[in-house]
Amino acid sequence: MPNIDVYAGTYQSQPIKINTENQMLIFPSEKAFSKGEPVPIGDIEMIELATEEIVKKINPTWDLSIAKMAEGRSTTLDAAFGILAIGFEMMIQGVNVTFVAKFKNRPPILATTREKTFNQLKAHLQK
């Protein structure tokens, strides 16, 4: 199940999971023992790659640089193997992209996910 890592918005504590079979986003819940709050992917009103202009239009207090730094993160490895690991991860899983999303009944988010996942969400919005 792909994840969306949130860097600005209400859901920073845990990733938003994507259930592609049911076309649902599973938002973290503060309720004890909850598996999350399902929200239809169709509730996405807007999803765009993050630029300073778009981010500041959605929320002037958000900082795009924090999310951009997270795009390049990888597992902790020795420096010699770090470059190989990043290259391999990008070949297998794709690159991360930072984006802004607005929802019908939820606060907007500044987040990062795999490029393939972002493209699938964007395509669903355009249907």
N, C-alpha and C. Protein backbone atom coordinates (compact mmCIF):
# COMPACT_ATOMS: atom_id res chain seq x y z
N MET A 1 0.85 -1.17 0.00
CA MET A 1 0.00 0.00 0.00
C MET A 1 0.90 1.24 0.00
N PRO A 2 0.80 2.08 -1.04
CA PRO A 2 1.64 3.29 -1.08
C PRO A 2 1.28 4.26 0.04
N ASN A 3 2.25 5.09 0.39
CA ASN A 3 2.07 6.08 1.45
C ASN A 3 2.25 7.48 0.93
N ILE A 4 1.65 8.42 1.64
CA ILE A 4 1.89 9.84 1.43
C ILE A 4 2.46 10.37 2.74
N ASP A 5 3.68 10.90 2.69
CA ASP A 5 4.31 11.47 3.88
C ASP A 5 3.98 12.96 3.94
N VAL A 6 3.30 13.37 5.00
CA VAL A 6 2.82 14.74 5.13
C VAL A 6 3.84 15.58 5.90
N TYR A 7 4.20 16.75 5.35
CA TYR A 7 5.17 17.63 5.99
C TYR A 7 4.55 18.91 6.50
N ALA A 8 3.38 19.25 6.01
CA ALA A 8 2.67 20.42 6.52
C ALA A 8 1.18 20.12 6.40
N GLY A 9 0.48 20.38 7.45
CA GLY A 9 -0.94 20.07 7.48
C GLY A 9 -1.27 19.32 8.76
N THR A 10 -2.48 18.89 8.87
CA THR A 10 -2.99 18.27 10.09
C THR A 10 -2.41 16.88 10.35
N TYR A 11 -1.98 16.18 9.33
CA TYR A 11 -1.66 14.75 9.47
C TYR A 11 -0.16 14.48 9.45
N GLN A 12 0.63 15.26 10.14
CA GLN A 12 2.07 15.11 10.12
C GLN A 12 2.58 13.93 10.94
N SER A 13 1.80 13.43 11.86
CA SER A 13 2.29 12.40 12.78
C SER A 13 2.46 11.04 12.12
N GLN A 14 1.65 10.72 11.14
CA GLN A 14 1.70 9.42 10.47
C GLN A 14 1.41 9.60 8.99
N PRO A 15 1.89 8.68 8.15
CA PRO A 15 1.59 8.81 6.72
C PRO A 15 0.12 8.53 6.40
N ILE A 16 -0.33 9.10 5.31
CA ILE A 16 -1.64 8.76 4.76
C ILE A 16 -1.41 7.56 3.85
N LYS A 17 -2.16 6.51 4.05
CA LYS A 17 -2.01 5.31 3.22
C LYS A 17 -3.01 5.37 2.06
N ILE A 18 -2.65 4.71 0.97
CA ILE A 18 -3.52 4.69 -0.20
C ILE A 18 -3.93 3.25 -0.47
N ASN A 19 -5.22 3.00 -0.45
CA ASN A 19 -5.76 1.69 -0.79
C ASN A 19 -6.26 1.77 -2.22
N THR A 20 -5.42 1.31 -3.16
CA THR A 20 -5.76 1.45 -4.57
C THR A 20 -6.92 0.55 -4.98
N GLU A 21 -7.08 -0.58 -4.31
CA GLU A 21 -8.18 -1.49 -4.65
C GLU A 21 -9.54 -0.86 -4.40
N ASN A 22 -9.67 -0.16 -3.26
CA ASN A 22 -10.94 0.45 -2.88
C ASN A 22 -11.01 1.93 -3.23
N GLN A 23 -9.95 2.46 -3.87
CA GLN A 23 -9.90 3.88 -4.23
C GLN A 23 -10.12 4.77 -3.00
N MET A 24 -9.39 4.46 -1.92
CA MET A 24 -9.55 5.20 -0.67
C MET A 24 -8.19 5.70 -0.17
N LEU A 25 -8.21 6.85 0.45
CA LEU A 25 -7.09 7.35 1.23
C LEU A 25 -7.40 7.03 2.68
N ILE A 26 -6.44 6.50 3.40
CA ILE A 26 -6.64 6.17 4.81
C ILE A 26 -5.87 7.20 5.64
N PHE A 27 -6.61 8.17 6.18
CA PHE A 27 -6.02 9.23 6.98
C PHE A 27 -5.77 8.72 8.40
N PRO A 28 -4.67 9.14 9.03
CA PRO A 28 -4.42 8.75 10.42
C PRO A 28 -5.54 9.24 11.32
N SER A 29 -5.81 8.47 12.34
CA SER A 29 -6.86 8.82 13.29
C SER A 29 -6.23 8.95 14.68
N GLU A 30 -6.76 9.87 15.46
CA GLU A 30 -6.27 10.03 16.83
C GLU A 30 -6.98 9.07 17.78
N LYS A 31 -7.98 8.36 17.31
CA LYS A 31 -8.70 7.41 18.15
C LYS A 31 -7.82 6.19 18.43
N ALA A 32 -7.87 5.72 19.64
CA ALA A 32 -7.08 4.55 20.02
C ALA A 32 -7.52 3.33 19.22
N PHE A 33 -6.58 2.54 18.78
CA PHE A 33 -6.80 1.28 18.07
C PHE A 33 -7.53 1.46 16.74
N SER A 34 -7.52 2.65 16.19
CA SER A 34 -8.18 2.89 14.91
C SER A 34 -7.23 2.57 13.77
N LYS A 35 -7.76 2.01 12.70
CA LYS A 35 -6.95 1.73 11.50
C LYS A 35 -6.91 2.95 10.58
N GLY A 36 -7.53 4.03 10.99
CA GLY A 36 -7.54 5.25 10.19
C GLY A 36 -8.92 5.57 9.68
N GLU A 37 -9.04 6.75 9.09
CA GLU A 37 -10.31 7.21 8.57
C GLU A 37 -10.28 7.14 7.05
N PRO A 38 -11.11 6.28 6.45
CA PRO A 38 -11.11 6.17 4.99
C PRO A 38 -11.81 7.37 4.34
N VAL A 39 -11.19 7.86 3.29
CA VAL A 39 -11.73 8.98 2.52
C VAL A 39 -11.60 8.61 1.04
N PRO A 40 -12.66 8.73 0.26
CA PRO A 40 -12.58 8.40 -1.16
C PRO A 40 -11.54 9.27 -1.88
N ILE A 41 -10.79 8.67 -2.79
CA ILE A 41 -9.83 9.43 -3.58
C ILE A 41 -10.54 10.55 -4.33
N GLY A 42 -11.80 10.35 -4.65
CA GLY A 42 -12.60 11.36 -5.32
C GLY A 42 -12.79 12.64 -4.52
N ASP A 43 -12.45 12.62 -3.23
CA ASP A 43 -12.55 13.83 -2.39
C ASP A 43 -11.39 14.80 -2.61
N ILE A 44 -10.43 14.41 -3.43
CA ILE A 44 -9.34 15.33 -3.76
C ILE A 44 -9.89 16.38 -4.72
N GLU A 45 -9.79 17.64 -4.33
CA GLU A 45 -10.26 18.74 -5.18
C GLU A 45 -9.15 19.28 -6.07
N MET A 46 -7.92 19.26 -5.56
CA MET A 46 -6.79 19.80 -6.29
C MET A 46 -5.54 19.07 -5.85
N ILE A 47 -4.68 18.72 -6.81
CA ILE A 47 -3.38 18.13 -6.49
C ILE A 47 -2.39 18.65 -7.52
N GLU A 48 -1.34 19.31 -7.04
CA GLU A 48 -0.35 19.93 -7.93
C GLU A 48 1.04 19.74 -7.36
N LEU A 49 2.02 19.64 -8.25
CA LEU A 49 3.41 19.62 -7.79
C LEU A 49 3.66 20.91 -7.03
N ALA A 50 4.41 20.80 -5.96
CA ALA A 50 4.63 21.95 -5.08
C ALA A 50 5.64 22.92 -5.67
N THR A 51 5.23 24.16 -5.75
CA THR A 51 6.13 25.27 -6.06
C THR A 51 5.95 26.28 -4.94
N GLU A 52 6.91 27.19 -4.79
CA GLU A 52 6.78 28.21 -3.74
C GLU A 52 5.47 28.98 -3.91
N GLU A 53 5.12 29.30 -5.14
CA GLU A 53 3.91 30.08 -5.40
C GLU A 53 2.65 29.34 -4.96
N ILE A 54 2.53 28.08 -5.34
CA ILE A 54 1.35 27.29 -4.98
C ILE A 54 1.29 27.07 -3.47
N VAL A 55 2.43 26.73 -2.87
CA VAL A 55 2.47 26.47 -1.43
C VAL A 55 2.04 27.71 -0.65
N LYS A 56 2.56 28.87 -1.01
CA LYS A 56 2.23 30.11 -0.30
C LYS A 56 0.77 30.51 -0.52
N LYS A 57 0.20 30.13 -1.69
CA LYS A 57 -1.21 30.43 -1.95
C LYS A 57 -2.11 29.58 -1.04
N ILE A 58 -1.73 28.32 -0.83
CA ILE A 58 -2.52 27.42 0.03
C ILE A 58 -2.37 27.80 1.49
N ASN A 59 -1.12 28.01 1.92
CA ASN A 59 -0.88 28.36 3.32
C ASN A 59 0.45 29.12 3.42
N PRO A 60 0.41 30.42 3.69
CA PRO A 60 1.63 31.24 3.74
C PRO A 60 2.63 30.82 4.81
N THR A 61 2.22 30.02 5.78
CA THR A 61 3.15 29.63 6.86
C THR A 61 3.92 28.36 6.53
N TRP A 62 3.56 27.66 5.46
CA TRP A 62 4.27 26.42 5.13
C TRP A 62 5.62 26.71 4.50
N ASP A 63 6.57 25.78 4.72
CA ASP A 63 7.93 25.93 4.20
C ASP A 63 8.22 24.77 3.25
N LEU A 64 8.32 25.08 1.98
CA LEU A 64 8.56 24.06 0.96
C LEU A 64 9.92 23.40 1.13
N SER A 65 10.91 24.09 1.67
CA SER A 65 12.26 23.53 1.78
C SER A 65 12.31 22.30 2.67
N ILE A 66 11.48 22.22 3.70
CA ILE A 66 11.47 21.05 4.59
C ILE A 66 11.03 19.81 3.82
N ALA A 67 9.98 19.94 3.04
CA ALA A 67 9.49 18.80 2.26
C ALA A 67 10.48 18.45 1.15
N LYS A 68 11.10 19.44 0.53
CA LYS A 68 12.05 19.17 -0.54
C LYS A 68 13.26 18.40 -0.02
N MET A 69 13.72 18.72 1.20
CA MET A 69 14.84 17.98 1.79
C MET A 69 14.45 16.52 1.99
N ALA A 70 13.21 16.27 2.34
CA ALA A 70 12.76 14.90 2.60
C ALA A 70 12.67 14.08 1.33
N GLU A 71 12.54 14.72 0.16
CA GLU A 71 12.46 13.98 -1.09
C GLU A 71 13.69 13.11 -1.29
N GLY A 72 14.85 13.58 -0.86
CA GLY A 72 16.08 12.86 -1.11
C GLY A 72 16.49 11.90 -0.03
N ARG A 73 15.67 11.67 0.94
CA ARG A 73 16.07 10.81 2.05
C ARG A 73 16.17 9.35 1.60
N SER A 74 17.02 8.62 2.26
CA SER A 74 17.15 7.19 2.00
C SER A 74 17.56 6.53 3.31
N THR A 75 17.71 5.23 3.28
CA THR A 75 18.10 4.54 4.50
C THR A 75 19.52 4.91 4.87
N THR A 76 19.87 4.72 6.15
CA THR A 76 21.20 5.06 6.63
C THR A 76 22.18 3.95 6.23
N LEU A 77 23.09 4.29 5.35
CA LEU A 77 24.11 3.34 4.89
C LEU A 77 25.47 4.03 4.93
N ASP A 78 26.53 3.24 4.80
CA ASP A 78 27.86 3.83 4.68
C ASP A 78 27.88 4.72 3.45
N ALA A 79 28.68 5.75 3.47
CA ALA A 79 28.74 6.71 2.37
C ALA A 79 29.05 6.03 1.03
N ALA A 80 29.92 5.04 1.06
CA ALA A 80 30.30 4.37 -0.18
C ALA A 80 29.12 3.66 -0.83
N PHE A 81 28.22 3.12 -0.02
CA PHE A 81 27.07 2.40 -0.55
C PHE A 81 25.83 3.29 -0.70
N GLY A 82 25.90 4.48 -0.13
CA GLY A 82 24.75 5.38 -0.17
C GLY A 82 24.32 5.74 -1.58
N ILE A 83 25.28 6.07 -2.43
CA ILE A 83 24.95 6.45 -3.80
C ILE A 83 24.34 5.28 -4.55
N LEU A 84 24.91 4.10 -4.36
CA LEU A 84 24.35 2.91 -5.01
C LEU A 84 22.95 2.61 -4.51
N ALA A 85 22.73 2.75 -3.22
CA ALA A 85 21.42 2.46 -2.65
C ALA A 85 20.37 3.43 -3.17
N ILE A 86 20.72 4.72 -3.25
CA ILE A 86 19.78 5.72 -3.75
C ILE A 86 19.45 5.43 -5.22
N GLY A 87 20.47 5.14 -6.00
CA GLY A 87 20.23 4.82 -7.42
C GLY A 87 19.36 3.60 -7.59
N PHE A 88 19.62 2.56 -6.80
CA PHE A 88 18.82 1.34 -6.87
C PHE A 88 17.38 1.60 -6.44
N GLU A 89 17.21 2.35 -5.36
CA GLU A 89 15.87 2.66 -4.87
C GLU A 89 15.09 3.44 -5.92
N MET A 90 15.74 4.38 -6.59
CA MET A 90 15.05 5.16 -7.62
C MET A 90 14.67 4.29 -8.80
N MET A 91 15.52 3.32 -9.15
CA MET A 91 15.20 2.42 -10.26
C MET A 91 14.01 1.54 -9.91
N ILE A 92 13.97 1.03 -8.70
CA ILE A 92 12.92 0.12 -8.28
C ILE A 92 11.62 0.85 -7.93
N GLN A 93 11.72 1.87 -7.11
CA GLN A 93 10.53 2.51 -6.56
C GLN A 93 10.18 3.84 -7.22
N GLY A 94 11.08 4.44 -7.97
CA GLY A 94 10.83 5.73 -8.58
C GLY A 94 11.25 6.86 -7.66
N VAL A 95 11.20 8.05 -8.20
CA VAL A 95 11.61 9.22 -7.43
C VAL A 95 10.44 9.75 -6.62
N ASN A 96 10.77 10.48 -5.58
CA ASN A 96 9.75 11.14 -4.77
C ASN A 96 9.43 12.50 -5.37
N VAL A 97 8.17 12.91 -5.23
CA VAL A 97 7.76 14.24 -5.64
C VAL A 97 7.03 14.90 -4.47
N THR A 98 7.17 16.20 -4.39
CA THR A 98 6.48 16.97 -3.36
C THR A 98 5.29 17.66 -4.01
N PHE A 99 4.16 17.61 -3.33
CA PHE A 99 2.94 18.15 -3.91
C PHE A 99 2.06 18.79 -2.84
N VAL A 100 1.08 19.54 -3.31
CA VAL A 100 0.07 20.15 -2.46
C VAL A 100 -1.27 19.56 -2.89
N ALA A 101 -2.11 19.22 -1.91
CA ALA A 101 -3.43 18.69 -2.22
C ALA A 101 -4.48 19.37 -1.35
N LYS A 102 -5.63 19.63 -1.96
CA LYS A 102 -6.78 20.15 -1.23
C LYS A 102 -7.89 19.11 -1.33
N PHE A 103 -8.67 18.99 -0.26
CA PHE A 103 -9.73 18.00 -0.17
C PHE A 103 -11.08 18.68 0.07
N LYS A 104 -12.15 17.95 -0.20
CA LYS A 104 -13.49 18.49 0.00
C LYS A 104 -13.77 18.79 1.47
N ASN A 105 -13.47 17.84 2.36
CA ASN A 105 -13.85 17.99 3.77
C ASN A 105 -12.67 17.85 4.73
N ARG A 106 -11.47 18.13 4.26
CA ARG A 106 -10.27 18.01 5.10
C ARG A 106 -9.34 19.17 4.80
N PRO A 107 -8.46 19.48 5.74
CA PRO A 107 -7.49 20.55 5.50
C PRO A 107 -6.50 20.16 4.40
N PRO A 108 -5.92 21.13 3.71
CA PRO A 108 -4.92 20.83 2.68
C PRO A 108 -3.64 20.27 3.29
N ILE A 109 -2.82 19.65 2.43
CA ILE A 109 -1.54 19.08 2.89
C ILE A 109 -0.42 19.45 1.92
N LEU A 110 0.78 19.51 2.46
CA LEU A 110 2.02 19.57 1.70
C LEU A 110 2.69 18.24 1.99
N ALA A 111 2.93 17.45 0.94
CA ALA A 111 3.35 16.07 1.19
C ALA A 111 4.30 15.57 0.10
N THR A 112 4.84 14.39 0.34
CA THR A 112 5.74 13.73 -0.59
C THR A 112 5.28 12.29 -0.79
N THR A 113 5.37 11.83 -2.02
CA THR A 113 5.08 10.43 -2.34
C THR A 113 5.86 10.06 -3.60
N ARG A 114 5.78 8.82 -3.98
CA ARG A 114 6.44 8.37 -5.21
C ARG A 114 5.78 9.02 -6.42
N GLU A 115 6.58 9.29 -7.44
CA GLU A 115 6.07 9.94 -8.65
C GLU A 115 4.92 9.14 -9.27
N LYS A 116 5.05 7.83 -9.29
CA LYS A 116 4.00 6.98 -9.85
C LYS A 116 2.68 7.15 -9.08
N THR A 117 2.77 7.20 -7.76
CA THR A 117 1.58 7.37 -6.93
C THR A 117 0.95 8.74 -7.19
N PHE A 118 1.77 9.78 -7.25
CA PHE A 118 1.27 11.12 -7.53
C PHE A 118 0.53 11.14 -8.88
N ASN A 119 1.15 10.54 -9.90
CA ASN A 119 0.53 10.53 -11.22
C ASN A 119 -0.80 9.79 -11.23
N GLN A 120 -0.90 8.70 -10.45
CA GLN A 120 -2.17 7.97 -10.35
C GLN A 120 -3.25 8.82 -9.68
N LEU A 121 -2.90 9.54 -8.62
CA LEU A 121 -3.85 10.41 -7.94
C LEU A 121 -4.29 11.55 -8.86
N LYS A 122 -3.35 12.14 -9.57
CA LYS A 122 -3.66 13.24 -10.48
C LYS A 122 -4.57 12.74 -11.61
N ALA A 123 -4.28 11.55 -12.15
CA ALA A 123 -5.11 10.98 -13.22
C ALA A 123 -6.53 10.72 -12.73
N HIS A 124 -6.66 10.27 -11.49
CA HIS A 124 -8.00 10.01 -10.94
C HIS A 124 -8.80 11.30 -10.83
N LEU A 125 -8.13 12.39 -10.50
CA LEU A 125 -8.79 13.68 -10.38
C LEU A 125 -9.29 14.18 -11.73
N GLN A 126 -8.58 13.84 -12.78
CA GLN A 126 -8.93 14.32 -14.12
C GLN A 126 -10.02 13.49 -14.79
N LYS A 127 -10.48 12.43 -14.14
CA LYS A 127 -11.54 11.58 -14.72
C LYS A 127 -12.86 12.29 -14.71
